[in-house]
Amino acid sequence: MNLGFLLENAAARYRDHVAAFDDRRKVTFGELNARANRLGNALASLGLAPQSRIASLQYNGIETIEFDVMAAKFGYVRALLKIGRAHV
């Protein structure tokens, strides 16, 4: 069982329930699943196949969850590059 399967199941059972939120917005399981599918299909249309390596540079937020779920659903090997805050 992987993260993609878990989201598919949650989207089928709890489509309108909030799955994640940050300080800007919230998304339901249905929305999260649909966005992950759109991103995965867009990358597949560019020629990426399962086991392709992908990376993303982003702040920690809903997009991080979408990226992780999409990678699991489409079989991509992901590297997550998080943006840190400098300590001065």
PDB file of N, CA and C in Angstrom:
ATOM      1  N   MET A   1       0.858  -1.172   0.000  1.00  0.00           N
ATOM      2  CA  MET A   1       0.000   0.000   0.000  1.00  0.00           C
ATOM      3  C   MET A   1       0.903   1.233   0.000  1.00  0.00           C
ATOM      4  N   ASN A   2       0.578   2.205  -0.860  1.00  0.00           N
ATOM      5  CA  ASN A   2       1.372   3.425  -0.888  1.00  0.00           C
ATOM      6  C   ASN A   2       0.501   4.657  -0.690  1.00  0.00           C
ATOM      7  N   LEU A   3       1.145   5.797  -0.638  1.00  0.00           N
ATOM      8  CA  LEU A   3       0.454   7.056  -0.393  1.00  0.00           C
ATOM      9  C   LEU A   3      -0.594   7.352  -1.460  1.00  0.00           C
ATOM     10  N   GLY A   4      -0.312   7.027  -2.704  1.00  0.00           N
ATOM     11  CA  GLY A   4      -1.278   7.248  -3.779  1.00  0.00           C
ATOM     12  C   GLY A   4      -2.549   6.441  -3.579  1.00  0.00           C
ATOM     13  N   PHE A   5      -2.395   5.172  -3.198  1.00  0.00           N
ATOM     14  CA  PHE A   5      -3.552   4.317  -2.939  1.00  0.00           C
ATOM     15  C   PHE A   5      -4.372   4.867  -1.769  1.00  0.00           C
ATOM     16  N   LEU A   6      -3.688   5.293  -0.719  1.00  0.00           N
ATOM     17  CA  LEU A   6      -4.390   5.838   0.446  1.00  0.00           C
ATOM     18  C   LEU A   6      -5.196   7.082   0.077  1.00  0.00           C
ATOM     19  N   LEU A   7      -4.634   7.946  -0.762  1.00  0.00           N
ATOM     20  CA  LEU A   7      -5.375   9.140  -1.165  1.00  0.00           C
ATOM     21  C   LEU A   7      -6.564   8.777  -2.047  1.00  0.00           C
ATOM     22  N   GLU A   8      -6.386   7.838  -2.966  1.00  0.00           N
ATOM     23  CA  GLU A   8      -7.509   7.393  -3.805  1.00  0.00           C
ATOM     24  C   GLU A   8      -8.664   6.908  -2.931  1.00  0.00           C
ATOM     25  N   ASN A   9      -8.349   6.111  -1.929  1.00  0.00           N
ATOM     26  CA  ASN A   9      -9.358   5.586  -1.021  1.00  0.00           C
ATOM     27  C   ASN A   9     -10.018   6.712  -0.226  1.00  0.00           C
ATOM     28  N   ALA A  10      -9.231   7.621   0.296  1.00  0.00           N
ATOM     29  CA  ALA A  10      -9.775   8.744   1.064  1.00  0.00           C
ATOM     30  C   ALA A  10     -10.641   9.640   0.183  1.00  0.00           C
ATOM     31  N   ALA A  11     -10.221   9.868  -1.061  1.00  0.00           N
ATOM     32  CA  ALA A  11     -11.001  10.714  -1.970  1.00  0.00           C
ATOM     33  C   ALA A  11     -12.341  10.058  -2.298  1.00  0.00           C
ATOM     34  N   ALA A  12     -12.352   8.740  -2.399  1.00  0.00           N
ATOM     35  CA  ALA A  12     -13.603   8.032  -2.688  1.00  0.00           C
ATOM     36  C   ALA A  12     -14.550   8.071  -1.484  1.00  0.00           C
ATOM     37  N   ARG A  13     -13.997   7.981  -0.298  1.00  0.00           N
ATOM     38  CA  ARG A  13     -14.827   7.905   0.906  1.00  0.00           C
ATOM     39  C   ARG A  13     -15.123   9.262   1.536  1.00  0.00           C
ATOM     40  N   TYR A  14     -14.168  10.199   1.461  1.00  0.00           N
ATOM     41  CA  TYR A  14     -14.282  11.475   2.175  1.00  0.00           C
ATOM     42  C   TYR A  14     -14.011  12.663   1.256  1.00  0.00           C
ATOM     43  N   ARG A  15     -14.515  12.592   0.038  1.00  0.00           N
ATOM     44  CA  ARG A  15     -14.223  13.569  -1.011  1.00  0.00           C
ATOM     45  C   ARG A  15     -14.280  15.031  -0.540  1.00  0.00           C
ATOM     46  N   ASP A  16     -15.291  15.384   0.243  1.00  0.00           N
ATOM     47  CA  ASP A  16     -15.496  16.789   0.620  1.00  0.00           C
ATOM     48  C   ASP A  16     -14.908  17.160   1.979  1.00  0.00           C
ATOM     49  N   HIS A  17     -14.211  16.239   2.615  1.00  0.00           N
ATOM     50  CA  HIS A  17     -13.578  16.543   3.895  1.00  0.00           C
ATOM     51  C   HIS A  17     -12.220  17.199   3.660  1.00  0.00           C
ATOM     52  N   VAL A  18     -11.835  18.085   4.562  1.00  0.00           N
ATOM     53  CA  VAL A  18     -10.551  18.776   4.440  1.00  0.00           C
ATOM     54  C   VAL A  18      -9.415  17.781   4.648  1.00  0.00           C
ATOM     55  N   ALA A  19      -8.503  17.749   3.692  1.00  0.00           N
ATOM     56  CA  ALA A  19      -7.346  16.854   3.744  1.00  0.00           C
ATOM     57  C   ALA A  19      -6.115  17.580   4.268  1.00  0.00           C
ATOM     58  N   ALA A  20      -5.962  18.846   3.906  1.00  0.00           N
ATOM     59  CA  ALA A  20      -4.784  19.613   4.301  1.00  0.00           C
ATOM     60  C   ALA A  20      -5.126  21.100   4.260  1.00  0.00           C
ATOM     61  N   PHE A  21      -4.399  21.854   5.065  1.00  0.00           N
ATOM     62  CA  PHE A  21      -4.564  23.305   5.035  1.00  0.00           C
ATOM     63  C   PHE A  21      -3.255  23.954   5.434  1.00  0.00           C
ATOM     64  N   ASP A  22      -3.096  25.182   4.991  1.00  0.00           N
ATOM     65  CA  ASP A  22      -1.965  25.990   5.427  1.00  0.00           C
ATOM     66  C   ASP A  22      -2.490  27.379   5.730  1.00  0.00           C
ATOM     67  N   ASP A  23      -1.614  28.342   5.845  1.00  0.00           N
ATOM     68  CA  ASP A  23      -2.067  29.681   6.215  1.00  0.00           C
ATOM     69  C   ASP A  23      -2.755  30.436   5.070  1.00  0.00           C
ATOM     70  N   ARG A  24      -2.765  29.853   3.866  1.00  0.00           N
ATOM     71  CA  ARG A  24      -3.398  30.502   2.716  1.00  0.00           C
ATOM     72  C   ARG A  24      -4.698  29.869   2.279  1.00  0.00           C
ATOM     73  N   ARG A  25      -4.832  28.534   2.432  1.00  0.00           N
ATOM     74  CA  ARG A  25      -6.015  27.859   1.900  1.00  0.00           C
ATOM     75  C   ARG A  25      -6.160  26.471   2.496  1.00  0.00           C
ATOM     76  N   LYS A  26      -7.244  25.803   2.126  1.00  0.00           N
ATOM     77  CA  LYS A  26      -7.460  24.417   2.505  1.00  0.00           C
ATOM     78  C   LYS A  26      -7.931  23.656   1.275  1.00  0.00           C
ATOM     79  N   VAL A  27      -7.640  22.352   1.253  1.00  0.00           N
ATOM     80  CA  VAL A  27      -8.060  21.507   0.138  1.00  0.00           C
ATOM     81  C   VAL A  27      -8.725  20.251   0.694  1.00  0.00           C
ATOM     82  N   THR A  28      -9.695  19.755  -0.046  1.00  0.00           N
ATOM     83  CA  THR A  28     -10.375  18.521   0.338  1.00  0.00           C
ATOM     84  C   THR A  28      -9.619  17.334  -0.249  1.00  0.00           C
ATOM     85  N   PHE A  29      -9.998  16.132   0.190  1.00  0.00           N
ATOM     86  CA  PHE A  29      -9.387  14.926  -0.364  1.00  0.00           C
ATOM     87  C   PHE A  29      -9.634  14.840  -1.867  1.00  0.00           C
ATOM     88  N   GLY A  30     -10.828  15.199  -2.304  1.00  0.00           N
ATOM     89  CA  GLY A  30     -11.139  15.170  -3.729  1.00  0.00           C
ATOM     90  C   GLY A  30     -10.281  16.135  -4.524  1.00  0.00           C
ATOM     91  N   GLU A  31     -10.110  17.348  -4.001  1.00  0.00           N
ATOM     92  CA  GLU A  31      -9.278  18.346  -4.683  1.00  0.00           C
ATOM     93  C   GLU A  31      -7.811  17.924  -4.701  1.00  0.00           C
ATOM     94  N   LEU A  32      -7.328  17.410  -3.587  1.00  0.00           N
ATOM     95  CA  LEU A  32      -5.942  16.976  -3.507  1.00  0.00           C
ATOM     96  C   LEU A  32      -5.677  15.855  -4.507  1.00  0.00           C
ATOM     97  N   ASN A  33      -6.577  14.911  -4.581  1.00  0.00           N
ATOM     98  CA  ASN A  33      -6.438  13.805  -5.528  1.00  0.00           C
ATOM     99  C   ASN A  33      -6.457  14.308  -6.971  1.00  0.00           C
ATOM    100  N   ALA A  34      -7.382  15.198  -7.282  1.00  0.00           N
ATOM    101  CA  ALA A  34      -7.488  15.728  -8.650  1.00  0.00           C
ATOM    102  C   ALA A  34      -6.236  16.519  -9.033  1.00  0.00           C
ATOM    103  N   ARG A  35      -5.717  17.325  -8.115  1.00  0.00           N
ATOM    104  CA  ARG A  35      -4.521  18.123  -8.416  1.00  0.00           C
ATOM    105  C   ARG A  35      -3.300  17.218  -8.602  1.00  0.00           C
ATOM    106  N   ALA A  36      -3.172  16.197  -7.757  1.00  0.00           N
ATOM    107  CA  ALA A  36      -2.052  15.262  -7.909  1.00  0.00           C
ATOM    108  C   ALA A  36      -2.141  14.542  -9.255  1.00  0.00           C
ATOM    109  N   ASN A  37      -3.343  14.149  -9.648  1.00  0.00           N
ATOM    110  CA  ASN A  37      -3.525  13.489 -10.947  1.00  0.00           C
ATOM    111  C   ASN A  37      -3.176  14.414 -12.103  1.00  0.00           C
ATOM    112  N   ARG A  38      -3.594  15.677 -12.025  1.00  0.00           N
ATOM    113  CA  ARG A  38      -3.277  16.622 -13.112  1.00  0.00           C
ATOM    114  C   ARG A  38      -1.773  16.817 -13.249  1.00  0.00           C
ATOM    115  N   LEU A  39      -1.096  16.981 -12.114  1.00  0.00           N
ATOM    116  CA  LEU A  39       0.352  17.170 -12.169  1.00  0.00           C
ATOM    117  C   LEU A  39       1.045  15.925 -12.720  1.00  0.00           C
ATOM    118  N   GLY A  40       0.658  14.753 -12.239  1.00  0.00           N
ATOM    119  CA  GLY A  40       1.257  13.509 -12.726  1.00  0.00           C
ATOM    120  C   GLY A  40       1.011  13.286 -14.201  1.00  0.00           C
ATOM    121  N   ASN A  41      -0.202  13.556 -14.648  1.00  0.00           N
ATOM    122  CA  ASN A  41      -0.517  13.402 -16.074  1.00  0.00           C
ATOM    123  C   ASN A  41       0.247  14.407 -16.923  1.00  0.00           C
ATOM    124  N   ALA A  42       0.441  15.612 -16.415  1.00  0.00           N
ATOM    125  CA  ALA A  42       1.213  16.614 -17.156  1.00  0.00           C
ATOM    126  C   ALA A  42       2.662  16.153 -17.314  1.00  0.00           C
ATOM    127  N   LEU A  43       3.241  15.625 -16.244  1.00  0.00           N
ATOM    128  CA  LEU A  43       4.621  15.130 -16.344  1.00  0.00           C
ATOM    129  C   LEU A  43       4.704  13.913 -17.267  1.00  0.00           C
ATOM    130  N   ALA A  44       3.724  13.027 -17.193  1.00  0.00           N
ATOM    131  CA  ALA A  44       3.705  11.861 -18.080  1.00  0.00           C
ATOM    132  C   ALA A  44       3.600  12.291 -19.539  1.00  0.00           C
ATOM    133  N   SER A  45       2.830  13.347 -19.805  1.00  0.00           N
ATOM    134  CA  SER A  45       2.686  13.818 -21.184  1.00  0.00           C
ATOM    135  C   SER A  45       3.986  14.415 -21.724  1.00  0.00           C
ATOM    136  N   LEU A  46       4.881  14.795 -20.816  1.00  0.00           N
ATOM    137  CA  LEU A  46       6.194  15.296 -21.222  1.00  0.00           C
ATOM    138  C   LEU A  46       7.198  14.165 -21.430  1.00  0.00           C
ATOM    139  N   GLY A  47       6.762  12.925 -21.210  1.00  0.00           N
ATOM    140  CA  GLY A  47       7.611  11.776 -21.459  1.00  0.00           C
ATOM    141  C   GLY A  47       8.178  11.112 -20.224  1.00  0.00           C
ATOM    142  N   LEU A  48       7.823  11.569 -19.035  1.00  0.00           N
ATOM    143  CA  LEU A  48       8.319  10.919 -17.833  1.00  0.00           C
ATOM    144  C   LEU A  48       7.604   9.597 -17.624  1.00  0.00           C
ATOM    145  N   ALA A  49       8.365   8.562 -17.342  1.00  0.00           N
ATOM    146  CA  ALA A  49       7.834   7.223 -17.107  1.00  0.00           C
ATOM    147  C   ALA A  49       8.048   6.859 -15.648  1.00  0.00           C
ATOM    148  N   PRO A  50       7.351   5.828 -15.174  1.00  0.00           N
ATOM    149  CA  PRO A  50       7.625   5.371 -13.809  1.00  0.00           C
ATOM    150  C   PRO A  50       9.124   5.126 -13.609  1.00  0.00           C
ATOM    151  N   GLN A  51       9.599   5.424 -12.436  1.00  0.00           N
ATOM    152  CA  GLN A  51      10.999   5.362 -12.032  1.00  0.00           C
ATOM    153  C   GLN A  51      11.814   6.549 -12.536  1.00  0.00           C
ATOM    154  N   SER A  52      11.175   7.504 -13.236  1.00  0.00           N
ATOM    155  CA  SER A  52      11.881   8.733 -13.590  1.00  0.00           C
ATOM    156  C   SER A  52      12.171   9.510 -12.312  1.00  0.00           C
ATOM    157  N   ARG A  53      13.287  10.188 -12.303  1.00  0.00           N
ATOM    158  CA  ARG A  53      13.658  10.981 -11.140  1.00  0.00           C
ATOM    159  C   ARG A  53      13.150  12.404 -11.316  1.00  0.00           C
ATOM    160  N   ILE A  54      12.512  12.916 -10.255  1.00  0.00           N
ATOM    161  CA  ILE A  54      11.973  14.272 -10.291  1.00  0.00           C
ATOM    162  C   ILE A  54      12.366  14.987  -9.002  1.00  0.00           C
ATOM    163  N   ALA A  55      12.418  16.315  -9.059  1.00  0.00           N
ATOM    164  CA  ALA A  55      12.736  17.109  -7.875  1.00  0.00           C
ATOM    165  C   ALA A  55      11.869  18.351  -7.878  1.00  0.00           C
ATOM    166  N   SER A  56      11.688  18.908  -6.697  1.00  0.00           N
ATOM    167  CA  SER A  56      10.872  20.104  -6.547  1.00  0.00           C
ATOM    168  C   SER A  56      11.483  20.968  -5.458  1.00  0.00           C
ATOM    169  N   LEU A  57      11.540  22.272  -5.699  1.00  0.00           N
ATOM    170  CA  LEU A  57      12.023  23.226  -4.706  1.00  0.00           C
ATOM    171  C   LEU A  57      10.841  24.072  -4.283  1.00  0.00           C
ATOM    172  N   GLN A  58      10.464  23.997  -3.005  1.00  0.00           N
ATOM    173  CA  GLN A  58       9.269  24.704  -2.553  1.00  0.00           C
ATOM    174  C   GLN A  58       9.293  24.885  -1.046  1.00  0.00           C
ATOM    175  N   TYR A  59       8.443  25.800  -0.585  1.00  0.00           N
ATOM    176  CA  TYR A  59       8.213  25.940   0.847  1.00  0.00           C
ATOM    177  C   TYR A  59       7.324  24.797   1.313  1.00  0.00           C
ATOM    178  N   ASN A  60       7.381  24.484   2.587  1.00  0.00           N
ATOM    179  CA  ASN A  60       6.531  23.454   3.150  1.00  0.00           C
ATOM    180  C   ASN A  60       5.082  23.945   3.122  1.00  0.00           C
ATOM    181  N   GLY A  61       4.195  23.227   2.463  1.00  0.00           N
ATOM    182  CA  GLY A  61       2.794  23.612   2.351  1.00  0.00           C
ATOM    183  C   GLY A  61       2.018  22.552   1.606  1.00  0.00           C
ATOM    184  N   ILE A  62       0.843  22.914   1.163  1.00  0.00           N
ATOM    185  CA  ILE A  62      -0.032  21.979   0.466  1.00  0.00           C
ATOM    186  C   ILE A  62       0.637  21.428  -0.792  1.00  0.00           C
ATOM    187  N   GLU A  63       1.399  22.248  -1.470  1.00  0.00           N
ATOM    188  CA  GLU A  63       2.062  21.800  -2.693  1.00  0.00           C
ATOM    189  C   GLU A  63       3.037  20.664  -2.413  1.00  0.00           C
ATOM    190  N   THR A  64       3.660  20.654  -1.235  1.00  0.00           N
ATOM    191  CA  THR A  64       4.570  19.574  -0.852  1.00  0.00           C
ATOM    192  C   THR A  64       3.813  18.256  -0.767  1.00  0.00           C
ATOM    193  N   ILE A  65       2.623  18.283  -0.188  1.00  0.00           N
ATOM    194  CA  ILE A  65       1.790  17.086  -0.084  1.00  0.00           C
ATOM    195  C   ILE A  65       1.371  16.630  -1.475  1.00  0.00           C
ATOM    196  N   GLU A  66       0.937  17.575  -2.314  1.00  0.00           N
ATOM    197  CA  GLU A  66       0.531  17.234  -3.682  1.00  0.00           C
ATOM    198  C   GLU A  66       1.674  16.562  -4.439  1.00  0.00           C
ATOM    199  N   PHE A  67       2.876  17.084  -4.283  1.00  0.00           N
ATOM    200  CA  PHE A  67       4.041  16.549  -4.978  1.00  0.00           C
ATOM    201  C   PHE A  67       4.348  15.127  -4.509  1.00  0.00           C
ATOM    202  N   ASP A  68       4.324  14.916  -3.199  1.00  0.00           N
ATOM    203  CA  ASP A  68       4.598  13.581  -2.656  1.00  0.00           C
ATOM    204  C   ASP A  68       3.567  12.559  -3.116  1.00  0.00           C
ATOM    205  N   VAL A  69       2.301  12.935  -3.053  1.00  0.00           N
ATOM    206  CA  VAL A  69       1.228  12.023  -3.463  1.00  0.00           C
ATOM    207  C   VAL A  69       1.341  11.705  -4.953  1.00  0.00           C
ATOM    208  N   MET A  70       1.575  12.723  -5.757  1.00  0.00           N
ATOM    209  CA  MET A  70       1.700  12.523  -7.198  1.00  0.00           C
ATOM    210  C   MET A  70       2.846  11.574  -7.510  1.00  0.00           C
ATOM    211  N   ALA A  71       3.984  11.754  -6.867  1.00  0.00           N
ATOM    212  CA  ALA A  71       5.136  10.889  -7.114  1.00  0.00           C
ATOM    213  C   ALA A  71       4.803   9.437  -6.773  1.00  0.00           C
ATOM    214  N   ALA A  72       4.107   9.229  -5.672  1.00  0.00           N
ATOM    215  CA  ALA A  72       3.727   7.865  -5.275  1.00  0.00           C
ATOM    216  C   ALA A  72       2.746   7.259  -6.270  1.00  0.00           C
ATOM    217  N   LYS A  73       1.756   8.051  -6.697  1.00  0.00           N
ATOM    218  CA  LYS A  73       0.738   7.533  -7.615  1.00  0.00           C
ATOM    219  C   LYS A  73       1.310   7.163  -8.975  1.00  0.00           C
ATOM    220  N   PHE A  74       2.275   7.939  -9.457  1.00  0.00           N
ATOM    221  CA  PHE A  74       2.790   7.738 -10.808  1.00  0.00           C
ATOM    222  C   PHE A  74       4.111   6.973 -10.835  1.00  0.00           C
ATOM    223  N   GLY A  75       4.613   6.584  -9.672  1.00  0.00           N
ATOM    224  CA  GLY A  75       5.819   5.770  -9.607  1.00  0.00           C
ATOM    225  C   GLY A  75       7.104   6.524  -9.855  1.00  0.00           C
ATOM    226  N   TYR A  76       7.097   7.833  -9.661  1.00  0.00           N
ATOM    227  CA  TYR A  76       8.310   8.629  -9.839  1.00  0.00           C
ATOM    228  C   TYR A  76       9.178   8.544  -8.585  1.00  0.00           C
ATOM    229  N   VAL A  77      10.472   8.664  -8.786  1.00  0.00           N
ATOM    230  CA  VAL A  77      11.419   8.726  -7.680  1.00  0.00           C
ATOM    231  C   VAL A  77      11.660  10.195  -7.414  1.00  0.00           C
ATOM    232  N   ARG A  78      11.290  10.641  -6.229  1.00  0.00           N
ATOM    233  CA  ARG A  78      11.333  12.063  -5.970  1.00  0.00           C
ATOM    234  C   ARG A  78      12.451  12.474  -5.031  1.00  0.00           C
ATOM    235  N   ALA A  79      12.947  13.673  -5.274  1.00  0.00           N
ATOM    236  CA  ALA A  79      13.869  14.335  -4.353  1.00  0.00           C
ATOM    237  C   ALA A  79      13.179  15.637  -3.973  1.00  0.00           C
ATOM    238  N   LEU A  80      12.971  15.840  -2.713  1.00  0.00           N
ATOM    239  CA  LEU A  80      12.287  17.042  -2.247  1.00  0.00           C
ATOM    240  C   LEU A  80      13.324  18.005  -1.706  1.00  0.00           C
ATOM    241  N   LEU A  81      13.402  19.164  -2.295  1.00  0.00           N
ATOM    242  CA  LEU A  81      14.346  20.193  -1.899  1.00  0.00           C
ATOM    243  C   LEU A  81      13.575  21.283  -1.171  1.00  0.00           C
ATOM    244  N   LYS A  82      13.699  21.346   0.127  1.00  0.00           N
ATOM    245  CA  LYS A  82      12.942  22.326   0.899  1.00  0.00           C
ATOM    246  C   LYS A  82      13.743  23.603   1.052  1.00  0.00           C
ATOM    247  N   ILE A  83      13.035  24.706   1.027  1.00  0.00           N
ATOM    248  CA  ILE A  83      13.637  26.015   1.201  1.00  0.00           C
ATOM    249  C   ILE A  83      13.698  26.294   2.698  1.00  0.00           C
ATOM    250  N   GLY A  84      14.880  26.476   3.197  1.00  0.00           N
ATOM    251  CA  GLY A  84      15.038  26.771   4.622  1.00  0.00           C
ATOM    252  C   GLY A  84      15.130  28.254   4.870  1.00  0.00           C
ATOM    253  N   ARG A  85      14.958  28.619   6.090  1.00  0.00           N
ATOM    254  CA  ARG A  85      15.077  30.013   6.481  1.00  0.00           C
ATOM    255  C   ARG A  85      16.473  30.212   7.098  1.00  0.00           C
ATOM    256  N   ALA A  86      17.137  31.239   6.654  1.00  0.00           N
ATOM    257  CA  ALA A  86      18.476  31.534   7.175  1.00  0.00           C
ATOM    258  C   ALA A  86      18.373  32.104   8.585  1.00  0.00           C
ATOM    259  N   HIS A  87      19.294  31.681   9.435  1.00  0.00           N
ATOM    260  CA  HIS A  87      19.351  32.215  10.798  1.00  0.00           C
ATOM    261  C   HIS A  87      20.473  33.232  10.846  1.00  0.00           C
ATOM    262  N   VAL A  88      20.124  34.428  11.241  1.00  0.00           N
ATOM    263  CA  VAL A  88      21.127  35.502  11.286  1.00  0.00           C
ATOM    264  C   VAL A  88      21.388  35.898  12.702  1.00  0.00           C
TER     265      VAL A  88
END
